[in-house]
Amino acid sequence: MKSEKETIYDYAAELKLLAFKEELECTLSLAAEENWNHLQFLTELLGKESARRRECRRRSRIRSAGFPQMKYLHELVMEDMPK
C-alpha cells in the first residue's frame, strides 16, 4: 500500500503539477515548523506552481517569437537610437 506522500506525488504527476511535486517536501517541513493550517500550506504550494507556470509561459513566448538574438534594455546604447 502506498503512503500518503507517494499518493500525492502520483496525483501531482498525473495533473502535471511539477512545482507542487518538487516543492512538497520542503513545504511540508516549513509548514510543520511554522504550524501552518491546511489553507496556508495549499496557498504556498499552489503559489509556487502558479509562479513556475508563469515563468514557463514567459520563456515559451520569448522562444516562439523567434528573435534572432536576445537583447536587453540595459544593453541599449542611446547614442545609436534615431532622433
Protein backbone atom coordinates (compact mmCIF):
# COMPACT_ATOMS: atom_id res chain seq x y z
CA MET A 1 0.00 0.00 0.00
CA LYS A 2 1.26 3.46 -0.91
CA SER A 3 1.98 6.12 1.65
CA GLU A 4 0.10 9.41 1.56
CA LYS A 5 3.18 11.18 0.17
CA GLU A 6 3.54 8.66 -2.64
CA THR A 7 -0.13 9.11 -3.50
CA ILE A 8 0.30 12.89 -3.54
CA TYR A 9 3.34 12.55 -5.83
CA ASP A 10 1.32 10.32 -8.17
CA TYR A 11 -1.59 12.77 -8.28
CA ALA A 12 0.78 15.70 -8.85
CA ALA A 13 2.44 13.85 -11.73
CA GLU A 14 -0.91 12.91 -13.27
CA LEU A 15 -2.11 16.51 -13.03
CA LYS A 16 1.28 17.80 -14.27
CA LEU A 17 1.87 19.86 -11.14
CA LEU A 18 5.66 19.79 -11.40
CA ALA A 19 6.44 22.56 -8.90
CA PHE A 20 3.94 21.05 -6.47
CA LYS A 21 5.77 17.74 -6.73
CA GLU A 22 9.23 19.32 -6.46
CA GLU A 23 8.38 21.59 -3.53
CA LEU A 24 6.27 19.20 -1.45
CA GLU A 25 8.98 18.01 0.97
CA CYS A 26 10.38 21.48 1.61
CA THR A 27 6.93 22.98 2.07
CA LEU A 28 5.84 20.17 4.39
CA SER A 29 8.88 20.84 6.60
CA LEU A 30 8.27 24.58 6.62
CA ALA A 31 4.58 24.09 7.40
CA ALA A 32 5.42 21.82 10.33
CA GLU A 33 7.99 24.28 11.72
CA GLU A 34 5.65 27.25 11.46
CA ASN A 35 2.43 25.41 12.39
CA TRP A 36 0.60 26.31 9.19
CA ASN A 37 -3.00 25.31 8.70
CA HIS A 38 -4.17 23.46 5.59
CA LEU A 39 -5.08 26.64 3.73
CA GLN A 40 -1.68 28.22 4.33
CA PHE A 41 0.02 25.04 3.14
CA LEU A 42 -2.06 24.80 -0.04
CA THR A 43 -1.69 28.52 -0.74
CA GLU A 44 2.10 28.21 -0.57
CA LEU A 45 2.29 25.13 -2.80
CA LEU A 46 -0.19 26.42 -5.37
CA GLY A 47 1.56 29.80 -5.40
CA LYS A 48 4.83 28.07 -6.30
CA GLU A 49 3.08 26.10 -9.04
CA SER A 50 1.50 29.26 -10.42
CA ALA A 51 4.84 31.11 -10.43
CA ARG A 52 6.55 28.21 -12.22
CA ARG A 53 3.86 28.13 -14.89
CA ARG A 54 4.01 31.91 -15.41
CA GLU A 55 7.78 31.68 -15.89
CA CYS A 56 7.39 28.77 -18.35
CA ARG A 57 4.81 30.73 -20.35
CA ARG A 58 7.11 33.76 -20.45
CA ARG A 59 10.03 31.66 -21.71
CA SER A 60 7.80 29.95 -24.25
CA ARG A 61 6.57 33.27 -25.64
CA ILE A 62 10.13 34.55 -25.99
CA ARG A 63 11.20 31.32 -27.70
CA SER A 64 8.21 31.29 -30.08
CA ALA A 65 8.75 34.96 -31.00
CA GLY A 66 11.79 33.81 -32.97
CA PHE A 67 14.06 36.71 -32.08
CA PRO A 68 17.44 36.35 -33.84
CA GLN A 69 19.18 37.13 -30.56
CA MET A 70 18.24 38.21 -27.07
CA LYS A 71 18.56 41.92 -26.33
CA TYR A 72 18.01 43.68 -23.04
CA LEU A 73 17.23 47.29 -22.18
CA HIS A 74 20.41 47.67 -20.13
CA GLU A 75 22.39 46.90 -23.34
CA LEU A 76 20.69 49.70 -25.28
CA VAL A 77 23.05 52.46 -26.42
CA MET A 78 21.05 55.69 -26.52
CA GLU A 79 23.51 57.31 -28.96
CA ASP A 80 22.66 54.64 -31.55
CA MET A 81 18.94 55.45 -31.43
CA PRO A 82 17.40 57.51 -34.27
CA LYS A 83 16.38 61.04 -33.37
